Protein backbone atom coordinates (compact mmCIF):
# COMPACT_ATOMS: atom_id res chain seq x y z
CA UNK A 1 89.85 130.09 66.74
CA UNK A 2 89.41 133.48 64.14
CA UNK A 3 89.95 135.74 66.38
CA UNK A 4 93.04 134.55 68.00
CA UNK A 5 94.50 133.49 65.04
CA UNK A 6 93.91 136.81 63.16
CA UNK A 7 95.37 138.56 66.26
CA UNK A 8 98.45 136.45 66.78
CA UNK A 9 99.24 136.91 62.73
CA UNK A 10 98.57 140.78 62.60
CA UNK A 11 100.51 141.40 66.42
CA UNK A 12 103.48 139.26 64.84
CA UNK A 13 103.31 141.54 61.53
CA UNK A 14 103.34 144.75 63.89
CA UNK A 15 106.11 143.66 66.06
CA UNK A 16 108.27 142.74 63.10
CA UNK A 17 107.06 145.33 60.17
CA UNK A 18 104.81 148.52 61.81
CA UNK A 19 106.62 149.66 65.05
CA UNK A 20 109.68 150.51 63.51
CA UNK A 21 108.17 153.21 60.99
CA UNK A 22 107.17 155.00 64.17
CA UNK A 23 109.09 157.09 66.67
CA UNK A 24 109.49 154.65 70.15
CA UNK A 25 107.20 157.34 72.38
CA UNK A 26 104.39 156.06 70.01
CA UNK A 27 104.21 153.04 71.79
CA UNK A 28 102.72 151.45 68.26
CA UNK A 29 102.78 147.77 69.70
CA UNK A 30 100.33 148.53 72.91
CA UNK A 31 98.11 150.60 71.05
CA UNK A 32 97.10 147.12 68.60
CA UNK A 33 97.71 144.81 71.25
CA UNK A 34 95.30 147.18 73.76
CA UNK A 35 92.64 147.60 70.62
CA UNK A 36 92.84 143.32 70.04
CA UNK A 37 92.58 142.56 73.43
CA UNK A 38 89.77 144.50 74.43
CA UNK A 39 88.00 143.90 70.88
CA UNK A 40 88.99 140.06 71.58
CA UNK A 41 87.87 140.23 75.48
CA UNK A 42 84.81 142.32 74.44
CA UNK A 43 83.59 139.51 72.51
CA UNK A 44 84.75 136.60 74.51
CA UNK A 45 82.09 138.80 77.49
CA UNK A 46 79.32 138.80 74.98
CA UNK A 47 79.56 134.80 74.51
CA UNK A 48 79.90 134.40 77.99
CA UNK A 49 76.92 136.13 79.36
CA UNK A 50 74.44 134.07 76.69
CA UNK A 51 73.42 130.50 76.94
CA UNK A 52 76.25 128.08 76.04
CA UNK A 53 75.82 124.33 76.18
CA UNK A 54 78.18 122.17 78.06
CA UNK A 55 80.89 121.95 75.41
CA UNK A 56 81.02 126.19 74.84
CA UNK A 57 81.71 127.08 77.65
CA UNK A 58 84.74 124.31 78.17
CA UNK A 59 85.95 126.02 74.80
CA UNK A 60 85.73 129.19 76.45
CA UNK A 61 87.45 128.47 79.47
CA UNK A 62 90.14 126.46 77.80
CA UNK A 63 90.95 130.23 75.79
CA UNK A 64 90.70 131.94 79.36
CA UNK A 65 92.86 129.78 81.17
CA UNK A 66 94.81 127.92 78.42
CA UNK A 67 94.94 129.02 75.41
CA UNK A 68 95.22 132.88 75.31
CA UNK A 69 97.50 133.47 77.97
CA UNK A 70 99.71 130.22 76.91
CA UNK A 71 99.77 130.28 72.99
CA UNK A 72 99.17 133.79 72.05
CA UNK A 73 100.69 135.74 74.65
CA UNK A 74 103.42 133.25 75.13
CA UNK A 75 104.48 133.30 71.35
CA UNK A 76 108.34 133.83 70.86
CA UNK A 77 108.08 136.82 68.97
CA UNK A 78 105.44 138.25 70.96
CA UNK A 79 106.10 137.80 74.19
CA UNK A 80 109.13 139.85 74.88
CA UNK A 81 106.64 143.05 73.70
CA UNK A 82 103.46 141.34 75.51
CA UNK A 83 105.05 141.55 79.15
CA UNK A 84 105.01 145.93 78.75
CA UNK A 85 101.06 145.93 78.07
CA UNK A 86 99.19 145.15 80.33
CA UNK A 87 96.32 143.19 79.03
CA UNK A 88 94.18 141.58 82.12
CA UNK A 89 92.28 138.68 80.90
CA UNK A 90 89.72 137.65 78.06
CA UNK A 91 86.56 137.81 80.82
CA UNK A 92 86.50 139.38 84.21
CA UNK A 93 87.34 137.11 87.45
CA UNK A 94 83.69 137.35 88.46
CA UNK A 95 82.00 135.80 84.92
CA UNK A 96 85.04 133.55 84.80
CA UNK A 97 84.33 131.91 88.47
CA UNK A 98 80.65 131.46 87.32
CA UNK A 99 81.65 129.57 83.77
CA UNK A 100 83.27 127.58 85.78
CA UNK A 101 80.88 126.73 88.52
CA UNK A 102 78.86 126.10 85.41
CA UNK A 103 81.16 123.59 84.19
CA UNK A 104 81.93 121.97 87.32
CA UNK A 105 78.38 121.32 88.03
CA UNK A 106 77.67 120.18 84.69
CA UNK A 107 80.11 117.67 84.67
CA UNK A 108 79.59 116.46 88.17
CA UNK A 109 76.33 115.75 87.01
CA UNK A 110 76.92 113.67 83.77
CA UNK A 111 79.50 111.64 85.77
CA UNK A 112 76.80 111.04 88.67
CA UNK A 113 74.36 109.81 86.09
CA UNK A 114 76.79 107.81 84.09
CA UNK A 115 77.58 106.01 87.64
CA UNK A 116 73.86 105.08 88.19
CA UNK A 117 73.03 104.14 84.65
CA UNK A 118 76.11 102.02 84.89
CA UNK A 119 74.99 100.25 87.66
CA UNK A 120 71.66 99.50 86.62
CA UNK A 121 72.98 97.91 83.62
CA UNK A 122 75.46 96.09 85.34
CA UNK A 123 72.49 94.84 87.81
CA UNK A 124 70.55 94.22 84.48
CA UNK A 125 73.13 91.18 83.54
CA UNK A 126 73.27 89.93 86.72
CA UNK A 127 69.39 88.63 85.59
CA UNK A 128 70.40 87.48 82.36
CA UNK A 129 70.86 83.52 82.15
CA UNK A 130 74.66 84.00 80.86
CA UNK A 131 78.24 82.92 82.10
CA UNK A 132 80.46 85.96 83.13
CA UNK A 133 82.69 86.45 80.59
CA UNK A 134 86.82 85.16 80.94
CA UNK A 135 89.84 86.89 80.48
CA UNK A 136 93.16 85.07 81.68
CA UNK A 137 90.89 82.01 83.12
CA UNK A 138 89.23 84.51 85.33
CA UNK A 139 85.27 85.97 85.91
CA UNK A 140 84.95 89.05 84.85
CA UNK A 141 82.31 91.41 85.25
CA UNK A 142 84.73 94.50 83.90
CA UNK A 143 83.05 96.70 82.04
CA UNK A 144 81.70 98.46 84.99
CA UNK A 145 84.73 99.46 86.39
CA UNK A 146 86.39 100.01 82.89
CA UNK A 147 83.65 102.66 82.01
CA UNK A 148 83.63 104.83 85.15
CA UNK A 149 87.31 104.74 85.34
CA UNK A 150 88.01 106.12 82.02
CA UNK A 151 84.84 108.57 82.50
CA UNK A 152 86.57 110.16 85.48
CA UNK A 153 90.09 109.52 84.29
CA UNK A 154 88.61 111.70 81.02
CA UNK A 155 86.80 114.46 82.91
CA UNK A 156 89.50 115.22 84.88
CA UNK A 157 92.20 115.39 81.93
CA UNK A 158 89.64 117.73 80.28
CA UNK A 159 89.30 119.76 83.46
CA UNK A 160 92.98 120.10 83.86
CA UNK A 161 94.12 120.79 80.64
CA UNK A 162 91.37 123.53 81.17
CA UNK A 163 93.70 124.60 84.53
CA UNK A 164 95.78 122.98 87.02
CA UNK A 165 93.15 124.08 89.60
CA UNK A 166 89.88 123.03 87.44
CA UNK A 167 91.35 119.61 87.55
CA UNK A 168 91.98 119.79 91.07
CA UNK A 169 88.56 121.06 92.16
CA UNK A 170 86.78 118.42 89.52
CA UNK A 171 89.03 115.46 91.26
CA UNK A 172 87.86 116.50 94.38
CA UNK A 173 84.33 116.31 93.73
CA UNK A 174 84.20 112.81 91.61
CA UNK A 175 86.62 111.78 94.69
CA UNK A 176 83.35 112.53 96.66
CA UNK A 177 81.10 110.63 94.55
CA UNK A 178 82.37 107.66 94.31
CA UNK A 179 81.89 106.27 97.92
CA UNK A 180 78.33 107.26 97.49
CA UNK A 181 78.30 104.98 94.39
CA UNK A 182 80.35 101.99 95.66
CA UNK A 183 77.99 101.36 98.13
CA UNK A 184 74.98 101.56 96.20
CA UNK A 185 77.43 98.73 94.46
CA UNK A 186 77.50 96.92 97.45
CA UNK A 187 73.80 96.76 98.08
CA UNK A 188 73.03 95.48 94.38
CA UNK A 189 75.74 93.39 95.21
CA UNK A 190 74.29 92.36 98.91
CA UNK A 191 70.68 92.10 96.86
CA UNK A 192 71.79 89.37 94.70
CA UNK A 193 73.42 88.28 96.65
CA UNK A 194 70.12 86.77 99.12
CA UNK A 195 68.33 87.11 96.09
CA UNK A 196 70.17 84.79 93.23
CA UNK A 197 71.19 81.69 94.96
CA UNK A 198 68.75 79.86 92.21
CA UNK A 199 70.57 81.75 89.54
CA UNK A 200 72.13 79.14 87.16
CA UNK A 201 75.53 80.97 87.66
CA UNK A 202 75.78 81.80 90.80
CA UNK A 203 79.29 81.62 92.12
CA UNK A 204 80.87 83.04 88.61
CA UNK A 205 78.90 86.03 88.80
CA UNK A 206 80.05 86.27 92.91
CA UNK A 207 83.78 85.90 91.21
CA UNK A 208 83.54 88.12 88.70
CA UNK A 209 82.35 90.62 91.35
CA UNK A 210 84.90 90.42 93.57
CA UNK A 211 87.25 90.63 91.00
CA UNK A 212 85.52 93.67 89.68
CA UNK A 213 86.97 95.69 92.87
CA UNK A 214 90.49 95.12 91.70
CA UNK A 215 89.87 97.57 89.24
CA UNK A 216 88.36 100.55 91.86
CA UNK A 217 91.05 99.41 94.59
CA UNK A 218 94.48 99.56 91.90
CA UNK A 219 92.94 102.62 90.71
CA UNK A 220 91.99 104.07 94.10
CA UNK A 221 95.48 103.12 95.26
CA UNK A 222 97.48 105.04 92.45
CA UNK A 223 95.53 108.28 92.59
CA UNK A 224 94.20 109.25 95.78
CA UNK A 225 96.26 110.99 98.63
CA UNK A 226 96.75 108.82 101.69
CA UNK A 227 95.27 111.30 103.87
CA UNK A 228 92.21 111.58 101.75
CA UNK A 229 88.91 110.50 103.64
CA UNK A 230 87.04 109.45 100.19
CA UNK A 231 90.17 106.72 99.69
CA UNK A 232 89.74 105.02 103.04
CA UNK A 233 85.81 105.00 102.65
CA UNK A 234 86.41 103.56 98.89
CA UNK A 235 88.90 100.89 100.10
CA UNK A 236 86.89 99.79 103.00
CA UNK A 237 83.53 99.59 101.29
CA UNK A 238 85.18 96.99 98.58
CA UNK A 239 86.58 94.79 101.45
CA UNK A 240 82.86 94.73 102.35
CA UNK A 241 81.52 93.37 98.74
CA UNK A 242 84.99 91.34 98.90
CA UNK A 243 84.50 89.34 101.97
CA UNK A 244 81.00 89.26 101.79
CA UNK A 245 81.76 87.23 98.44
CA UNK A 246 84.32 85.31 100.30
CA UNK A 247 81.64 83.97 103.14
CA UNK A 248 79.15 83.01 100.56
CA UNK A 249 81.70 81.00 98.33
CA UNK A 250 83.13 79.48 101.67
CA UNK A 251 79.99 78.26 103.06
CA UNK A 252 79.40 75.47 101.34
CA UNK A 253 83.14 74.36 102.13
CA UNK A 254 82.86 74.52 105.93
CA UNK A 255 79.36 73.38 106.00
CA UNK A 256 81.00 70.11 104.62
CA UNK A 257 84.24 70.10 106.72
CA UNK A 258 82.57 70.54 110.18
CA UNK A 259 81.05 66.60 110.37
CA UNK A 260 84.82 66.06 109.01
CA UNK A 261 86.64 68.07 111.75
CA UNK A 262 84.36 66.49 114.67
CA UNK A 263 85.68 62.87 113.79
CA UNK A 264 89.15 64.08 115.48
CA UNK A 265 87.47 64.06 118.72
CA UNK A 266 84.81 61.24 118.30
CA UNK A 267 88.38 59.27 117.69
CA UNK A 268 90.00 59.95 120.18
CA UNK A 269 92.73 61.10 117.32
CA UNK A 270 93.54 57.40 116.60
CA UNK A 271 92.57 57.70 112.72
CA UNK A 272 93.74 61.46 112.92
CA UNK A 273 95.96 60.78 109.78
CA UNK A 274 92.62 59.57 107.69
CA UNK A 275 90.57 61.97 108.84
CA UNK A 276 92.99 64.76 107.78
CA UNK A 277 93.24 63.48 104.30
CA UNK A 278 89.74 63.75 104.05
CA UNK A 279 89.53 67.26 105.04
CA UNK A 280 92.39 67.51 102.45
CA UNK A 281 90.46 66.29 99.58
CA UNK A 282 87.40 67.91 100.10
CA UNK A 283 88.84 71.21 100.76
CA UNK A 284 90.83 70.97 97.29
CA UNK A 285 87.76 70.53 95.24
CA UNK A 286 86.52 73.58 96.28
CA UNK A 287 90.14 75.33 96.13
CA UNK A 288 89.95 74.65 91.81
CA UNK A 289 86.49 76.56 92.06
CA UNK A 290 88.15 79.47 93.00
CA UNK A 291 90.92 79.58 90.34
CA UNK A 292 89.04 82.02 88.69
CA UNK A 293 89.39 84.81 91.13
CA UNK A 294 91.97 87.14 89.97
CA UNK A 295 95.45 86.08 92.06
CA UNK A 296 95.21 88.58 95.02
CA UNK A 297 91.82 87.38 95.75
CA UNK A 298 92.63 83.68 94.80
CA UNK A 299 95.34 84.02 97.68
CA UNK A 300 93.01 85.70 99.89
CA UNK A 301 90.69 83.15 99.87
CA UNK A 302 93.21 80.11 100.14
CA UNK A 303 94.54 82.11 103.04
CA UNK A 304 91.38 82.23 104.72
CA UNK A 305 91.36 78.64 104.09
CA UNK A 306 94.17 78.17 105.71
CA UNK A 307 93.27 80.16 108.95
CA UNK A 308 89.65 78.48 109.02
CA UNK A 309 91.70 74.82 108.47
CA UNK A 310 93.86 75.60 111.70
CA UNK A 311 91.64 77.08 113.77
CA UNK A 312 88.93 74.69 113.38
CA UNK A 313 91.65 72.04 114.49
CA UNK A 314 92.67 74.07 117.16
CA UNK A 315 88.67 74.24 118.37
CA UNK A 316 89.04 69.90 118.33
CA UNK A 317 91.77 70.26 120.55
CA UNK A 318 89.98 72.89 123.04
CA UNK A 319 87.24 70.83 123.22
CA UNK A 320 88.32 68.35 126.83
CA UNK A 321 87.37 65.00 124.66
CA UNK A 322 90.63 63.61 125.47
CA UNK A 323 92.65 63.26 128.72
CA UNK A 324 95.99 61.39 128.66
CA UNK A 325 97.79 60.61 132.21
CA UNK A 326 100.27 58.26 130.55
CA UNK A 327 102.93 60.20 128.87
CA UNK A 328 103.68 57.92 125.99
CA UNK A 329 99.93 58.02 125.10
CA UNK A 330 100.71 62.29 124.86
CA UNK A 331 104.06 61.19 122.61
CA UNK A 332 101.15 59.61 120.48
CA UNK A 333 98.87 62.22 119.94
CA UNK A 334 101.51 65.03 119.59
CA UNK A 335 102.98 62.69 116.75
CA UNK A 336 99.50 62.71 115.31
CA UNK A 337 99.27 66.51 115.43
CA UNK A 338 102.65 67.37 114.09
CA UNK A 339 101.54 64.51 110.83
CA UNK A 340 98.54 66.57 110.52
CA UNK A 341 100.44 69.79 110.77
CA UNK A 342 102.66 68.62 108.65
CA UNK A 343 100.13 67.24 105.93
CA UNK A 344 97.80 70.86 106.41
CA UNK A 345 100.98 72.85 105.91
CA UNK A 346 102.15 71.24 102.34
CA UNK A 347 98.46 71.18 100.97
CA UNK A 348 97.67 75.04 102.06
CA UNK A 349 101.49 76.47 100.98
CA UNK A 350 101.14 74.28 97.31
CA UNK A 351 97.65 75.20 97.04
CA UNK A 352 98.89 79.26 96.83
CA UNK A 353 98.75 80.30 100.82
CA UNK A 354 101.20 82.75 102.09
CA UNK A 355 99.91 82.83 105.08
CA UNK A 356 103.43 81.24 107.05
CA UNK A 357 102.54 82.77 110.65
CA UNK A 358 99.82 79.74 110.70
CA UNK A 359 102.59 77.44 109.92
CA UNK A 360 103.91 77.39 113.84
CA UNK A 361 100.66 76.95 115.58
CA UNK A 362 99.76 73.22 115.49
CA UNK A 363 103.19 72.11 115.60
CA UNK A 364 104.18 74.58 119.12
CA UNK A 365 100.61 72.49 120.62
CA UNK A 366 102.18 68.66 119.58
CA UNK A 367 105.67 69.40 121.48
CA UNK A 368 103.47 71.16 124.68
CA UNK A 369 101.50 68.03 124.80
CA UNK A 370 105.35 65.83 124.30
CA UNK A 371 107.12 67.34 126.82
CA UNK A 372 106.76 66.25 130.47
CA UNK A 373 109.62 68.95 131.90
CA UNK A 374 107.27 71.69 133.70
CA UNK A 375 110.01 74.23 132.88
CA UNK A 376 110.50 72.64 129.40
CA UNK A 377 106.64 73.02 128.94
CA UNK A 378 107.03 76.88 130.31
CA UNK A 379 109.39 77.80 127.81
CA UNK A 380 106.97 76.42 124.92
CA UNK A 381 104.42 78.24 126.26
CA UNK A 382 105.91 81.54 126.37
CA UNK A 383 107.00 80.75 123.11
CA UNK A 384 103.60 79.86 121.92
CA UNK A 385 102.68 83.32 123.75
CA UNK A 386 105.04 85.34 121.63
CA UNK A 387 104.13 83.97 118.58
CA UNK A 388 100.23 83.76 118.79
CA UNK A 389 99.53 86.68 121.46
CA UNK A 390 96.04 86.42 121.53
CA UNK A 391 95.50 83.06 123.25
CA UNK A 392 94.33 83.38 126.40
CA UNK A 393 94.42 81.52 129.75
CA UNK A 394 90.94 80.05 128.80
CA UNK A 395 92.47 78.26 125.35
CA UNK A 396 95.41 77.29 127.66
CA UNK A 397 93.69 75.75 130.44
CA UNK A 398 91.20 73.79 128.24
CA UNK A 399 94.35 72.67 125.86
CA UNK A 400 95.76 71.28 129.41
CA UNK A 401 93.13 69.09 130.13
CA UNK A 402 95.20 66.58 127.24
CA UNK A 403 97.99 66.60 129.89
CA UNK A 404 96.06 64.78 132.74
CA UNK A 405 99.43 63.86 134.41
CA UNK A 406 99.71 67.39 135.65
CA UNK A 407 99.25 68.15 139.18
CA UNK A 408 96.79 71.63 140.04
CA UNK A 409 100.01 73.38 141.26
CA UNK A 410 101.80 72.57 138.09
CA UNK A 411 98.72 73.80 135.27
CA UNK A 412 98.58 76.85 137.50
CA UNK A 413 102.26 77.27 137.43
CA UNK A 414 101.98 77.22 133.87
CA UNK A 415 98.84 79.32 133.50
CA UNK A 416 100.25 81.66 135.19
CA UNK A 417 103.31 82.25 133.27
CA UNK A 418 101.39 82.73 130.77
CA UNK A 419 99.50 85.45 131.70
CA UNK A 420 102.91 87.52 132.60
CA UNK A 421 104.17 86.51 129.00
CA UNK A 422 101.02 88.00 126.88
CA UNK A 423 100.08 90.91 129.92
CA UNK A 424 102.63 93.56 127.34
CA UNK A 425 101.81 92.13 123.66
CA UNK A 426 99.80 93.86 121.74
CA UNK A 427 97.52 91.30 119.31
CA UNK A 428 99.22 90.56 115.93
CA UNK A 429 97.17 89.04 113.14
CA UNK A 430 94.70 86.69 115.32
CA UNK A 431 93.78 83.29 115.43
CA UNK A 432 93.03 82.23 119.08
CA UNK A 433 90.66 85.07 119.54
CA UNK A 434 88.45 83.87 117.06
CA UNK A 435 87.84 80.86 119.28
CA UNK A 436 85.04 81.31 121.23
CA UNK A 437 85.27 79.73 124.80
CA UNK A 438 82.35 80.44 126.38
């Protein structure tokens, strides 16, 4: 700092007052500039070749790449004069590169250790008999993400302030560390998920960790290039953690709903309204617990519930437990299904589900049961297949079992029409493909 300040001030005096006292051919300014620079460069090289701590390396590189070329040599009074003098860098290129490597290696190792320690601290917190803190009504375990993101960000900024190239290089290195860290985080989460079931705050800790993923996801989406392989790896691992957490949170609900759904076919759909009310009531109790999830995750879990409720209802329709020859009976069943579908849609929408693509599945199936004209049934089947292109013959065949007044040839004709209409259609959001008919 002293040398830099002295050089800048002295050369300013030379440029303003001394240069004009000599004939131009003496090149007085150049002589002074070269002597000052050579001395400065010699001192810098001496320092660079001695044992330096990480902060000293950072400061020396800042002088080489940033302070000396920008603050000293680009000074408004000196810049024009210095452009005529070929001074070069403060350090030889080979030595500068050696220092850069030391700096980057050290910074990378520091972040790696920080990631490892932060994860160990986080795992230790899960073992404590404490409920996670809440922020805006959402359980949070955000310290891990906040510490790591701040550490990575400050490292990137420091390197970028030395030079843009070093900032990019360090960013590449740190982005490569993050996928490995998140895989370790996922493994630790899976371990807690299996071994921590008796923990008093088991569910809140799961929810806090799902919420934790949001900070990593948001940071990755905003800061990483779309084509970066690390980005895909990071987002994939975060999805694993989120979906794994959802799975546990939903297990209890789905286990409770299974026997209730069975009653649809056991009662031949006669008490379907009461059964649907019970499904909604049971689901509603569980959904209230999920309000502690951050909004994107709350919507995601509610949509998973919505999809499961529709899927389970369709499964009961495909069980071949009800076969109706009478059109009036079919009409009655279609009305029940339509009513159940409307109640289900109203409940899921009011609970925050945005999965509107699910809403037409049950009404379309109800319409196929209600219709008696073969041509009209085929049109409805084609519409169903367009909306849900993953429906297959085996699904429709099981469903048409309900319409016992169809002849074999009529049934075959309808099934053939489905094959034609879905042959060239690629599957959209899966619904029927999640229903196993074997």
